[in-house]
Amino acid sequence: MNPETRKGIIYGFSCYLLWGIFPLYFRLLADSGAIEVLSYRILCSGVLCLVLLTALRSWPEVGAVLRNRRQLLLLGTAAFLIAINWGVYIYAVNSDQVVEAALGYFLNPLITVALGVIVLRERLRVMQWAAVGVGVVAGIVLTVNYGHVPTIALSLALSFGTYGLLKKQVGSNGGVSALAGLSTENLVLAPFTIITLVVLGAQGNSTFADNPPWQALLLVSTGFVTVVPLLLFASAASRVPLSTMGLLQYMTPVLQFLCGVLVLDEHMPASRWAGFGLVWVALVLLTSDSLVTARRQRSDRLAAARVAVS
């Protein structure tokens, strides 16, 4: 393993580890409510992005994005999707629904495959169809168990899956860096965020000044816990194969699930275990297909290279 790949795996492990323990962090902000935490998360991550843009002299890249109507439209839409994702997740954590939030991120790869078929007209291989089929059965089992459609899980999976699709389209049209993309998204959301915080303060519903200085420090720190994992992710994705990132990504929902069951003591009846078990079977099928396909493509490239040399 070369040093860059090893470094990329460390970055990837670190970002997924941080995302995996998010429930424990956001539980510390339970007194603030999802809307206020979301607003400070957007505002403070935006401020941190501005500092990084200035330090790295990357403002020209953001300016180019703002002048590109297509990229701005895609990133503006992505901004609202990630805001929905963050808001739903914070609400889930602070309403004792961490396990269902983890389910959303387990479902995300299946939703991504489904979006590829519906939006990009991609054709699925046999194992991918099997994974989607098992995933549908899992959804039915979990719906029966919950007594309602698992809206938190589906909202998280759909919002993040669509967000990823839009970010992929932005990347294929000139390649916008992670920092420039996140900065643009925060700029789009900034006016709504500032208005929300002003209204909360005017209504006396702001918790920023509670328990000084700890509540304020926690709210401000949401910027760091948002930006740092994203930059680690970008650094990892540029150094390791996609198949490796695909395996590492399961760390996050596994850790979130363990936080919900073992640390936060959320109830898991047998029927819910069955539903999660089916989701995990679907993910095994999907991951196996990805690894087999990646290995086959690598062999084909090596064979083509040998033919070219001979």
C-alpha atoms as a PDB file:
ATOM      1  CA  MET A   1       0.000   0.000   0.000  1.00  0.00           C
ATOM      2  CA  ASN A   2       1.508   3.344  -1.016  1.00  0.00           C
ATOM      3  CA  PRO A   3       1.704   6.217   1.512  1.00  0.00           C
ATOM      4  CA  GLU A   4      -1.032   8.281  -0.173  1.00  0.00           C
ATOM      5  CA  THR A   5      -3.499   5.386  -0.093  1.00  0.00           C
ATOM      6  CA  ARG A   6      -2.683   4.718   3.559  1.00  0.00           C
ATOM      7  CA  LYS A   7      -3.214   8.394   4.333  1.00  0.00           C
ATOM      8  CA  GLY A   8      -6.528   8.343   2.430  1.00  0.00           C
ATOM      9  CA  ILE A   9      -7.794   5.367   4.446  1.00  0.00           C
ATOM     10  CA  ILE A  10      -6.916   7.194   7.687  1.00  0.00           C
ATOM     11  CA  TYR A  11      -8.806  10.280   6.475  1.00  0.00           C
ATOM     12  CA  GLY A  12     -11.800   8.154   5.438  1.00  0.00           C
ATOM     13  CA  PHE A  13     -11.838   6.232   8.716  1.00  0.00           C
ATOM     14  CA  SER A  14     -11.668   9.520  10.640  1.00  0.00           C
ATOM     15  CA  CYS A  15     -14.534  11.207   8.805  1.00  0.00           C
ATOM     16  CA  TYR A  16     -16.871   8.203   9.075  1.00  0.00           C
ATOM     17  CA  LEU A  17     -15.939   7.797  12.751  1.00  0.00           C
ATOM     18  CA  LEU A  18     -16.853  11.433  13.440  1.00  0.00           C
ATOM     19  CA  TRP A  19     -20.163  11.094  11.578  1.00  0.00           C
ATOM     20  CA  GLY A  20     -20.827   7.857  13.460  1.00  0.00           C
ATOM     21  CA  ILE A  21     -20.652   9.475  16.900  1.00  0.00           C
ATOM     22  CA  PHE A  22     -22.799  12.475  15.916  1.00  0.00           C
ATOM     23  CA  PRO A  23     -25.728  11.229  18.060  1.00  0.00           C
ATOM     24  CA  LEU A  24     -23.670  11.677  21.216  1.00  0.00           C
ATOM     25  CA  TYR A  25     -22.649  15.204  20.185  1.00  0.00           C
ATOM     26  CA  PHE A  26     -26.094  16.439  19.136  1.00  0.00           C
ATOM     27  CA  ARG A  27     -27.641  14.968  22.286  1.00  0.00           C
ATOM     28  CA  LEU A  28     -25.619  17.623  24.179  1.00  0.00           C
ATOM     29  CA  LEU A  29     -27.650  20.253  22.292  1.00  0.00           C
ATOM     30  CA  ALA A  30     -31.061  18.794  23.170  1.00  0.00           C
ATOM     31  CA  ASP A  31     -32.102  21.986  24.996  1.00  0.00           C
ATOM     32  CA  SER A  32     -31.789  24.098  21.850  1.00  0.00           C
ATOM     33  CA  GLY A  33     -34.220  22.384  19.493  1.00  0.00           C
ATOM     34  CA  ALA A  34     -33.628  21.230  15.928  1.00  0.00           C
ATOM     35  CA  ILE A  35     -34.314  24.567  14.185  1.00  0.00           C
ATOM     36  CA  GLU A  36     -31.869  26.568  16.317  1.00  0.00           C
ATOM     37  CA  VAL A  37     -29.140  23.913  16.143  1.00  0.00           C
ATOM     38  CA  LEU A  38     -29.588  23.646  12.361  1.00  0.00           C
ATOM     39  CA  SER A  39     -29.379  27.419  11.980  1.00  0.00           C
ATOM     40  CA  TYR A  40     -26.165  27.692  13.983  1.00  0.00           C
ATOM     41  CA  ARG A  41     -24.740  24.687  12.153  1.00  0.00           C
ATOM     42  CA  ILE A  42     -25.266  26.415   8.792  1.00  0.00           C
ATOM     43  CA  LEU A  43     -24.128  29.828  10.029  1.00  0.00           C
ATOM     44  CA  CYS A  44     -20.988  28.667  11.834  1.00  0.00           C
ATOM     45  CA  SER A  45     -19.918  26.235   9.112  1.00  0.00           C
ATOM     46  CA  GLY A  46     -20.377  29.105   6.654  1.00  0.00           C
ATOM     47  CA  VAL A  47     -18.134  31.385   8.715  1.00  0.00           C
ATOM     48  CA  LEU A  48     -15.488  28.658   8.934  1.00  0.00           C
ATOM     49  CA  CYS A  49     -15.691  28.167   5.157  1.00  0.00           C
ATOM     50  CA  LEU A  50     -15.146  31.906   4.639  1.00  0.00           C
ATOM     51  CA  VAL A  51     -12.028  31.767   6.825  1.00  0.00           C
ATOM     52  CA  LEU A  52     -10.676  28.765   4.894  1.00  0.00           C
ATOM     53  CA  LEU A  53     -11.461  30.377   1.532  1.00  0.00           C
ATOM     54  CA  THR A  54      -9.521  33.458   2.584  1.00  0.00           C
ATOM     55  CA  ALA A  55      -6.581  31.482   4.005  1.00  0.00           C
ATOM     56  CA  LEU A  56      -6.343  29.259   0.910  1.00  0.00           C
ATOM     57  CA  ARG A  57      -7.086  32.117  -1.509  1.00  0.00           C
ATOM     58  CA  SER A  58      -9.908  30.102  -3.060  1.00  0.00           C
ATOM     59  CA  TRP A  59     -12.414  32.942  -3.540  1.00  0.00           C
ATOM     60  CA  PRO A  60     -11.963  32.939  -7.349  1.00  0.00           C
ATOM     61  CA  GLU A  61     -13.327  29.379  -7.466  1.00  0.00           C
ATOM     62  CA  VAL A  62     -16.466  30.396  -5.548  1.00  0.00           C
ATOM     63  CA  GLY A  63     -16.833  33.428  -7.810  1.00  0.00           C
ATOM     64  CA  ALA A  64     -16.699  31.139 -10.858  1.00  0.00           C
ATOM     65  CA  VAL A  65     -19.437  28.950  -9.360  1.00  0.00           C
ATOM     66  CA  LEU A  66     -21.655  31.962  -8.636  1.00  0.00           C
ATOM     67  CA  ARG A  67     -21.293  33.088 -12.268  1.00  0.00           C
ATOM     68  CA  ASN A  68     -22.159  29.632 -13.617  1.00  0.00           C
ATOM     69  CA  ARG A  69     -25.956  29.484 -13.673  1.00  0.00           C
ATOM     70  CA  ARG A  70     -26.155  25.690 -13.917  1.00  0.00           C
ATOM     71  CA  GLN A  71     -23.722  25.043 -11.070  1.00  0.00           C
ATOM     72  CA  LEU A  72     -25.388  27.671  -8.886  1.00  0.00           C
ATOM     73  CA  LEU A  73     -28.830  26.149  -9.491  1.00  0.00           C
ATOM     74  CA  LEU A  74     -27.611  22.639  -8.699  1.00  0.00           C
ATOM     75  CA  LEU A  75     -25.722  23.726  -5.572  1.00  0.00           C
ATOM     76  CA  GLY A  76     -28.633  25.915  -4.435  1.00  0.00           C
ATOM     77  CA  THR A  77     -30.984  22.933  -4.671  1.00  0.00           C
ATOM     78  CA  ALA A  78     -28.382  20.747  -2.952  1.00  0.00           C
ATOM     79  CA  ALA A  79     -28.148  23.327  -0.148  1.00  0.00           C
ATOM     80  CA  PHE A  80     -31.830  23.004   0.727  1.00  0.00           C
ATOM     81  CA  LEU A  81     -31.651  19.214   0.526  1.00  0.00           C
ATOM     82  CA  ILE A  82     -28.704  19.027   2.930  1.00  0.00           C
ATOM     83  CA  ALA A  83     -30.460  21.494   5.256  1.00  0.00           C
ATOM     84  CA  ILE A  84     -33.480  19.167   5.321  1.00  0.00           C
ATOM     85  CA  ASN A  85     -31.160  16.216   5.957  1.00  0.00           C
ATOM     86  CA  TRP A  86     -29.363  17.947   8.816  1.00  0.00           C
ATOM     87  CA  GLY A  87     -32.589  19.220  10.372  1.00  0.00           C
ATOM     88  CA  VAL A  88     -34.307  15.824  10.283  1.00  0.00           C
ATOM     89  CA  TYR A  89     -31.219  14.156  11.726  1.00  0.00           C
ATOM     90  CA  ILE A  90     -30.935  16.610  14.633  1.00  0.00           C
ATOM     91  CA  TYR A  91     -34.651  16.174  15.347  1.00  0.00           C
ATOM     92  CA  ALA A  92     -34.283  12.370  15.260  1.00  0.00           C
ATOM     93  CA  VAL A  93     -31.370  12.367  17.704  1.00  0.00           C
ATOM     94  CA  ASN A  94     -33.077  14.652  20.188  1.00  0.00           C
ATOM     95  CA  SER A  95     -36.411  12.827  20.013  1.00  0.00           C
ATOM     96  CA  ASP A  96     -34.892   9.396  20.858  1.00  0.00           C
ATOM     97  CA  GLN A  97     -35.054   8.066  17.279  1.00  0.00           C
ATOM     98  CA  VAL A  98     -31.358   7.481  16.623  1.00  0.00           C
ATOM     99  CA  VAL A  99     -31.940   3.903  15.438  1.00  0.00           C
ATOM    100  CA  GLU A 100     -34.364   5.069  12.752  1.00  0.00           C
ATOM    101  CA  ALA A 101     -31.857   7.758  11.723  1.00  0.00           C
ATOM    102  CA  ALA A 102     -29.203   5.038  11.378  1.00  0.00           C
ATOM    103  CA  LEU A 103     -31.658   3.079   9.234  1.00  0.00           C
ATOM    104  CA  GLY A 104     -31.807   6.065   6.878  1.00  0.00           C
ATOM    105  CA  TYR A 105     -28.072   5.877   6.248  1.00  0.00           C
ATOM    106  CA  PHE A 106     -28.206   2.094   5.851  1.00  0.00           C
ATOM    107  CA  LEU A 107     -30.869   2.659   3.173  1.00  0.00           C
ATOM    108  CA  ASN A 108     -28.892   5.403   1.449  1.00  0.00           C
ATOM    109  CA  PRO A 109     -26.874   3.103  -0.897  1.00  0.00           C
ATOM    110  CA  LEU A 110     -30.123   1.425  -2.013  1.00  0.00           C
ATOM    111  CA  ILE A 111     -31.760   4.810  -2.606  1.00  0.00           C
ATOM    112  CA  THR A 112     -28.697   5.899  -4.595  1.00  0.00           C
ATOM    113  CA  VAL A 113     -29.031   2.831  -6.828  1.00  0.00           C
ATOM    114  CA  ALA A 114     -32.763   3.524  -7.297  1.00  0.00           C
ATOM    115  CA  LEU A 115     -32.062   7.165  -8.219  1.00  0.00           C
ATOM    116  CA  GLY A 116     -29.499   5.970 -10.751  1.00  0.00           C
ATOM    117  CA  VAL A 117     -32.196   3.909 -12.465  1.00  0.00           C
ATOM    118  CA  ILE A 118     -34.956   6.532 -12.282  1.00  0.00           C
ATOM    119  CA  VAL A 119     -32.970   9.702 -13.015  1.00  0.00           C
ATOM    120  CA  LEU A 120     -29.851   8.576 -14.890  1.00  0.00           C
ATOM    121  CA  ARG A 121     -31.502   5.634 -16.691  1.00  0.00           C
ATOM    122  CA  GLU A 122     -28.810   3.267 -15.471  1.00  0.00           C
ATOM    123  CA  ARG A 123     -29.282  -0.478 -15.985  1.00  0.00           C
ATOM    124  CA  LEU A 124     -29.011  -2.687 -12.917  1.00  0.00           C
ATOM    125  CA  ARG A 125     -27.122  -5.941 -12.736  1.00  0.00           C
ATOM    126  CA  VAL A 126     -28.749  -9.069 -11.283  1.00  0.00           C
ATOM    127  CA  MET A 127     -27.212  -8.651  -7.816  1.00  0.00           C
ATOM    128  CA  GLN A 128     -28.289  -5.007  -7.714  1.00  0.00           C
ATOM    129  CA  TRP A 129     -31.883  -5.972  -8.540  1.00  0.00           C
ATOM    130  CA  ALA A 130     -31.740  -8.603  -5.780  1.00  0.00           C
ATOM    131  CA  ALA A 131     -30.484  -6.001  -3.310  1.00  0.00           C
ATOM    132  CA  VAL A 132     -33.260  -3.574  -4.238  1.00  0.00           C
ATOM    133  CA  GLY A 133     -35.853  -6.347  -3.916  1.00  0.00           C
ATOM    134  CA  VAL A 134     -34.640  -7.358  -0.460  1.00  0.00           C
ATOM    135  CA  GLY A 135     -34.578  -3.671   0.491  1.00  0.00           C
ATOM    136  CA  VAL A 136     -38.235  -3.277  -0.497  1.00  0.00           C
ATOM    137  CA  VAL A 137     -39.178  -6.304   1.633  1.00  0.00           C
ATOM    138  CA  ALA A 138     -37.202  -4.800   4.523  1.00  0.00           C
ATOM    139  CA  GLY A 139     -39.139  -1.549   4.123  1.00  0.00           C
ATOM    140  CA  ILE A 140     -42.434  -3.415   4.346  1.00  0.00           C
ATOM    141  CA  VAL A 141     -41.338  -5.338   7.465  1.00  0.00           C
ATOM    142  CA  LEU A 142     -40.167  -2.155   9.181  1.00  0.00           C
ATOM    143  CA  THR A 143     -43.323  -0.257   8.230  1.00  0.00           C
ATOM    144  CA  VAL A 144     -45.434  -2.996   9.832  1.00  0.00           C
ATOM    145  CA  ASN A 145     -43.188  -2.928  12.918  1.00  0.00           C
ATOM    146  CA  TYR A 146     -43.291   0.848  13.371  1.00  0.00           C
ATOM    147  CA  GLY A 147     -47.008   0.986  12.579  1.00  0.00           C
ATOM    148  CA  HIS A 148     -46.277   3.731  10.040  1.00  0.00           C
ATOM    149  CA  VAL A 149     -43.906   4.446   7.187  1.00  0.00           C
ATOM    150  CA  PRO A 150     -40.428   5.171   8.698  1.00  0.00           C
ATOM    151  CA  THR A 151     -40.522   8.784   7.546  1.00  0.00           C
ATOM    152  CA  ILE A 152     -37.334   9.858   9.336  1.00  0.00           C
ATOM    153  CA  ALA A 153     -35.282   7.078   7.724  1.00  0.00           C
ATOM    154  CA  LEU A 154     -36.764   7.692   4.259  1.00  0.00           C
ATOM    155  CA  SER A 155     -36.373  11.472   4.569  1.00  0.00           C
ATOM    156  CA  LEU A 156     -32.695  11.094   5.474  1.00  0.00           C
ATOM    157  CA  ALA A 157     -32.012   8.543   2.734  1.00  0.00           C
ATOM    158  CA  LEU A 158     -33.894  10.440   0.000  1.00  0.00           C
ATOM    159  CA  SER A 159     -32.504  13.868   0.889  1.00  0.00           C
ATOM    160  CA  PHE A 160     -28.902  12.654   1.129  1.00  0.00           C
ATOM    161  CA  GLY A 161     -29.200  10.407  -1.926  1.00  0.00           C
ATOM    162  CA  THR A 162     -30.567  13.260  -4.041  1.00  0.00           C
ATOM    163  CA  TYR A 163     -27.952  15.610  -2.585  1.00  0.00           C
ATOM    164  CA  GLY A 164     -25.234  13.191  -3.688  1.00  0.00           C
ATOM    165  CA  LEU A 165     -26.753  12.964  -7.163  1.00  0.00           C
ATOM    166  CA  LEU A 166     -26.732  16.755  -7.552  1.00  0.00           C
ATOM    167  CA  LYS A 167     -23.166  17.012  -6.251  1.00  0.00           C
ATOM    168  CA  LYS A 168     -22.091  14.383  -8.774  1.00  0.00           C
ATOM    169  CA  GLN A 169     -23.637  16.417 -11.587  1.00  0.00           C
ATOM    170  CA  VAL A 170     -21.832  19.540 -10.374  1.00  0.00           C
ATOM    171  CA  GLY A 171     -18.561  17.629 -10.267  1.00  0.00           C
ATOM    172  CA  SER A 172     -19.003  16.347 -13.817  1.00  0.00           C
ATOM    173  CA  ASN A 173     -19.425  19.912 -15.054  1.00  0.00           C
ATOM    174  CA  GLY A 174     -16.040  21.421 -14.300  1.00  0.00           C
ATOM    175  CA  GLY A 175     -15.250  19.802 -10.964  1.00  0.00           C
ATOM    176  CA  VAL A 176     -16.156  22.024  -8.016  1.00  0.00           C
ATOM    177  CA  SER A 177     -13.999  21.385  -4.941  1.00  0.00           C
ATOM    178  CA  ALA A 178     -15.554  20.307  -1.639  1.00  0.00           C
ATOM    179  CA  LEU A 179     -14.731  23.644   0.014  1.00  0.00           C
ATOM    180  CA  ALA A 180     -16.105  25.765  -2.843  1.00  0.00           C
ATOM    181  CA  GLY A 181     -19.255  23.653  -3.057  1.00  0.00           C
ATOM    182  CA  LEU A 182     -19.957  23.750   0.677  1.00  0.00           C
ATOM    183  CA  SER A 183     -19.210  27.493   0.790  1.00  0.00           C
ATOM    184  CA  THR A 184     -21.682  28.160  -2.024  1.00  0.00           C
ATOM    185  CA  GLU A 185     -24.342  26.081  -0.291  1.00  0.00           C
ATOM    186  CA  ASN A 186     -23.853  28.038   2.924  1.00  0.00           C
ATOM    187  CA  LEU A 187     -24.049  31.353   1.059  1.00  0.00           C
ATOM    188  CA  VAL A 188     -27.385  30.279  -0.433  1.00  0.00           C
ATOM    189  CA  LEU A 189     -28.765  29.330   2.998  1.00  0.00           C
ATOM    190  CA  ALA A 190     -27.262  32.264   4.923  1.00  0.00           C
ATOM    191  CA  PRO A 191     -30.193  34.746   4.529  1.00  0.00           C
ATOM    192  CA  PHE A 192     -32.752  32.163   5.717  1.00  0.00           C
ATOM    193  CA  THR A 193     -30.497  31.176   8.620  1.00  0.00           C
ATOM    194  CA  ILE A 194     -29.960  34.749   9.816  1.00  0.00           C
ATOM    195  CA  ILE A 195     -33.699  35.525   9.622  1.00  0.00           C
ATOM    196  CA  THR A 196     -34.487  32.362  11.624  1.00  0.00           C
ATOM    197  CA  LEU A 197     -32.008  33.252  14.380  1.00  0.00           C
ATOM    198  CA  VAL A 198     -33.292  36.835  14.565  1.00  0.00           C
ATOM    199  CA  VAL A 199     -36.889  35.587  14.906  1.00  0.00           C
ATOM    200  CA  LEU A 200     -35.907  33.056  17.593  1.00  0.00           C
ATOM    201  CA  GLY A 201     -34.119  35.797  19.529  1.00  0.00           C
ATOM    202  CA  ALA A 202     -37.015  38.246  19.194  1.00  0.00           C
ATOM    203  CA  GLN A 203     -39.454  35.589  20.458  1.00  0.00           C
ATOM    204  CA  GLY A 204     -37.208  34.781  23.432  1.00  0.00           C
ATOM    205  CA  ASN A 205     -36.651  31.222  22.187  1.00  0.00           C
ATOM    206  CA  SER A 206     -32.889  31.442  21.685  1.00  0.00           C
ATOM    207  CA  THR A 207     -30.743  29.323  24.010  1.00  0.00           C
ATOM    208  CA  PHE A 208     -27.413  30.883  22.953  1.00  0.00           C
ATOM    209  CA  ALA A 209     -27.032  32.751  26.258  1.00  0.00           C
ATOM    210  CA  ASP A 210     -28.116  29.826  28.450  1.00  0.00           C
ATOM    211  CA  ASN A 211     -25.586  28.288  30.859  1.00  0.00           C
ATOM    212  CA  PRO A 212     -22.773  30.633  29.780  1.00  0.00           C
ATOM    213  CA  PRO A 213     -20.417  30.009  28.126  1.00  0.00           C
ATOM    214  CA  TRP A 214     -21.034  26.301  27.450  1.00  0.00           C
ATOM    215  CA  GLN A 215     -24.243  26.447  25.409  1.00  0.00           C
ATOM    216  CA  ALA A 216     -22.820  29.173  23.171  1.00  0.00           C
ATOM    217  CA  LEU A 217     -19.595  27.194  22.674  1.00  0.00           C
ATOM    218  CA  LEU A 218     -21.549  24.061  21.791  1.00  0.00           C
ATOM    219  CA  LEU A 219     -23.658  25.922  19.228  1.00  0.00           C
ATOM    220  CA  VAL A 220     -20.617  27.571  17.670  1.00  0.00           C
ATOM    221  CA  SER A 221     -18.768  24.234  17.528  1.00  0.00           C
ATOM    222  CA  THR A 222     -21.416  22.895  15.121  1.00  0.00           C
ATOM    223  CA  GLY A 223     -19.452  24.662  12.376  1.00  0.00           C
ATOM    224  CA  PHE A 224     -16.310  22.650  13.117  1.00  0.00           C
ATOM    225  CA  VAL A 225     -18.116  19.303  13.397  1.00  0.00           C
ATOM    226  CA  THR A 226     -19.742  19.999  10.022  1.00  0.00           C
ATOM    227  CA  VAL A 227     -16.749  21.190   8.009  1.00  0.00           C
ATOM    228  CA  VAL A 228     -13.948  18.989   9.383  1.00  0.00           C
ATOM    229  CA  PRO A 229     -15.495  15.585   8.434  1.00  0.00           C
ATOM    230  CA  LEU A 230     -16.442  16.907   4.976  1.00  0.00           C
ATOM    231  CA  LEU A 231     -12.874  18.029   4.293  1.00  0.00           C
ATOM    232  CA  LEU A 232     -11.544  14.696   5.593  1.00  0.00           C
ATOM    233  CA  PHE A 233     -13.992  12.936   3.262  1.00  0.00           C
ATOM    234  CA  ALA A 234     -12.847  14.978   0.265  1.00  0.00           C
ATOM    235  CA  SER A 235      -9.202  14.216   1.094  1.00  0.00           C
ATOM    236  CA  ALA A 236      -9.963  10.497   1.409  1.00  0.00           C
ATOM    237  CA  ALA A 237     -12.026  10.280  -1.792  1.00  0.00           C
ATOM    238  CA  SER A 238      -9.136  11.706  -3.826  1.00  0.00           C
ATOM    239  CA  ARG A 239      -6.672   9.098  -2.511  1.00  0.00           C
ATOM    240  CA  VAL A 240      -8.472   5.736  -2.257  1.00  0.00           C
ATOM    241  CA  PRO A 241     -10.565   3.651  -4.677  1.00  0.00           C
ATOM    242  CA  LEU A 242     -14.332   4.150  -4.706  1.00  0.00           C
ATOM    243  CA  SER A 243     -14.836   0.529  -3.609  1.00  0.00           C
ATOM    244  CA  THR A 244     -12.814   1.213  -0.445  1.00  0.00           C
ATOM    245  CA  MET A 245     -14.857   4.330   0.317  1.00  0.00           C
ATOM    246  CA  GLY A 246     -17.991   2.247  -0.247  1.00  0.00           C
ATOM    247  CA  LEU A 247     -16.911  -0.203   2.454  1.00  0.00           C
ATOM    248  CA  LEU A 248     -15.806   2.502   4.883  1.00  0.00           C
ATOM    249  CA  GLN A 249     -19.133   4.339   4.589  1.00  0.00           C
ATOM    250  CA  TYR A 250     -20.944   1.607   6.523  1.00  0.00           C
ATOM    251  CA  MET A 251     -18.994   2.617   9.637  1.00  0.00           C
ATOM    252  CA  THR A 252     -21.260   5.623  10.109  1.00  0.00           C
ATOM    253  CA  PRO A 253     -24.682   3.921  10.340  1.00  0.00           C
ATOM    254  CA  VAL A 254     -23.188   0.993  12.301  1.00  0.00           C
ATOM    255  CA  LEU A 255     -21.776   3.372  14.917  1.00  0.00           C
ATOM    256  CA  GLN A 256     -24.996   5.409  14.985  1.00  0.00           C
ATOM    257  CA  PHE A 257     -27.001   2.217  15.436  1.00  0.00           C
ATOM    258  CA  LEU A 258     -24.741   1.118  18.293  1.00  0.00           C
ATOM    259  CA  CYS A 259     -25.069   4.563  19.897  1.00  0.00           C
ATOM    260  CA  GLY A 260     -28.858   4.252  19.761  1.00  0.00           C
ATOM    261  CA  VAL A 261     -29.080   0.690  21.093  1.00  0.00           C
ATOM    262  CA  LEU A 262     -26.149   0.431  23.512  1.00  0.00           C
ATOM    263  CA  VAL A 263     -25.592   3.989  24.744  1.00  0.00           C
ATOM    264  CA  LEU A 264     -28.990   5.689  24.431  1.00  0.00           C
ATOM    265  CA  ASP A 265     -30.936   2.482  25.238  1.00  0.00           C
ATOM    266  CA  GLU A 266     -33.501   2.662  22.438  1.00  0.00           C
ATOM    267  CA  HIS A 267     -35.926  -0.278  22.262  1.00  0.00           C
ATOM    268  CA  MET A 268     -35.389  -2.886  19.507  1.00  0.00           C
ATOM    269  CA  PRO A 269     -38.178  -5.506  19.286  1.00  0.00           C
ATOM    270  CA  ALA A 270     -37.528  -8.762  17.411  1.00  0.00           C
ATOM    271  CA  SER A 271     -39.519  -7.682  14.348  1.00  0.00           C
ATOM    272  CA  ARG A 272     -37.370  -4.551  14.018  1.00  0.00           C
ATOM    273  CA  TRP A 273     -34.228  -6.671  14.216  1.00  0.00           C
ATOM    274  CA  ALA A 274     -35.680  -8.745  11.371  1.00  0.00           C
ATOM    275  CA  GLY A 275     -36.218  -5.621   9.267  1.00  0.00           C
ATOM    276  CA  PHE A 276     -32.701  -4.357   9.919  1.00  0.00           C
ATOM    277  CA  GLY A 277     -31.370  -7.838   9.152  1.00  0.00           C
ATOM    278  CA  LEU A 278     -32.988  -7.709   5.708  1.00  0.00           C
ATOM    279  CA  VAL A 279     -31.485  -4.269   5.097  1.00  0.00           C
ATOM    280  CA  TRP A 280     -28.048  -5.643   5.972  1.00  0.00           C
ATOM    281  CA  VAL A 281     -28.570  -8.600   3.587  1.00  0.00           C
ATOM    282  CA  ALA A 282     -29.400  -6.113   0.825  1.00  0.00           C
ATOM    283  CA  LEU A 283     -26.227  -4.140   1.603  1.00  0.00           C
ATOM    284  CA  VAL A 284     -24.111  -7.313   1.511  1.00  0.00           C
ATOM    285  CA  LEU A 285     -25.525  -8.095  -1.949  1.00  0.00           C
ATOM    286  CA  LEU A 286     -24.907  -4.545  -3.142  1.00  0.00           C
ATOM    287  CA  THR A 287     -21.366  -4.412  -1.764  1.00  0.00           C
ATOM    288  CA  SER A 288     -20.489  -7.845  -3.167  1.00  0.00           C
ATOM    289  CA  ASP A 289     -21.682  -6.768  -6.595  1.00  0.00           C
ATOM    290  CA  SER A 290     -19.605  -3.561  -6.400  1.00  0.00           C
ATOM    291  CA  LEU A 291     -16.459  -5.447  -5.402  1.00  0.00           C
ATOM    292  CA  VAL A 292     -16.898  -8.121  -8.106  1.00  0.00           C
ATOM    293  CA  THR A 293     -17.551  -5.469 -10.755  1.00  0.00           C
ATOM    294  CA  ALA A 294     -14.539  -3.388  -9.669  1.00  0.00           C
ATOM    295  CA  ARG A 295     -12.298  -6.484  -9.763  1.00  0.00           C
ATOM    296  CA  ARG A 296     -13.592  -7.445 -13.233  1.00  0.00           C
ATOM    297  CA  GLN A 297     -13.039  -3.931 -14.580  1.00  0.00           C
ATOM    298  CA  ARG A 298      -9.499  -3.891 -13.147  1.00  0.00           C
ATOM    299  CA  SER A 299      -8.742  -7.239 -14.824  1.00  0.00           C
ATOM    300  CA  ASP A 300     -10.136  -5.960 -18.137  1.00  0.00           C
ATOM    301  CA  ARG A 301      -7.943  -2.845 -17.955  1.00  0.00           C
ATOM    302  CA  LEU A 302      -4.840  -4.922 -17.203  1.00  0.00           C
ATOM    303  CA  ALA A 303      -5.653  -7.285 -20.078  1.00  0.00           C
ATOM    304  CA  ALA A 304      -6.144  -4.350 -22.443  1.00  0.00           C
ATOM    305  CA  ALA A 305      -2.839  -2.838 -21.317  1.00  0.00           C
ATOM    306  CA  ARG A 306      -0.980  -6.113 -21.941  1.00  0.00           C
ATOM    307  CA  VAL A 307      -2.504  -6.368 -25.442  1.00  0.00           C
ATOM    308  CA  ALA A 308      -1.485  -2.778 -26.185  1.00  0.00           C
ATOM    309  CA  VAL A 309       2.113  -3.418 -25.071  1.00  0.00           C
ATOM    310  CA  SER A 310       2.406  -6.625 -27.094  1.00  0.00           C
END
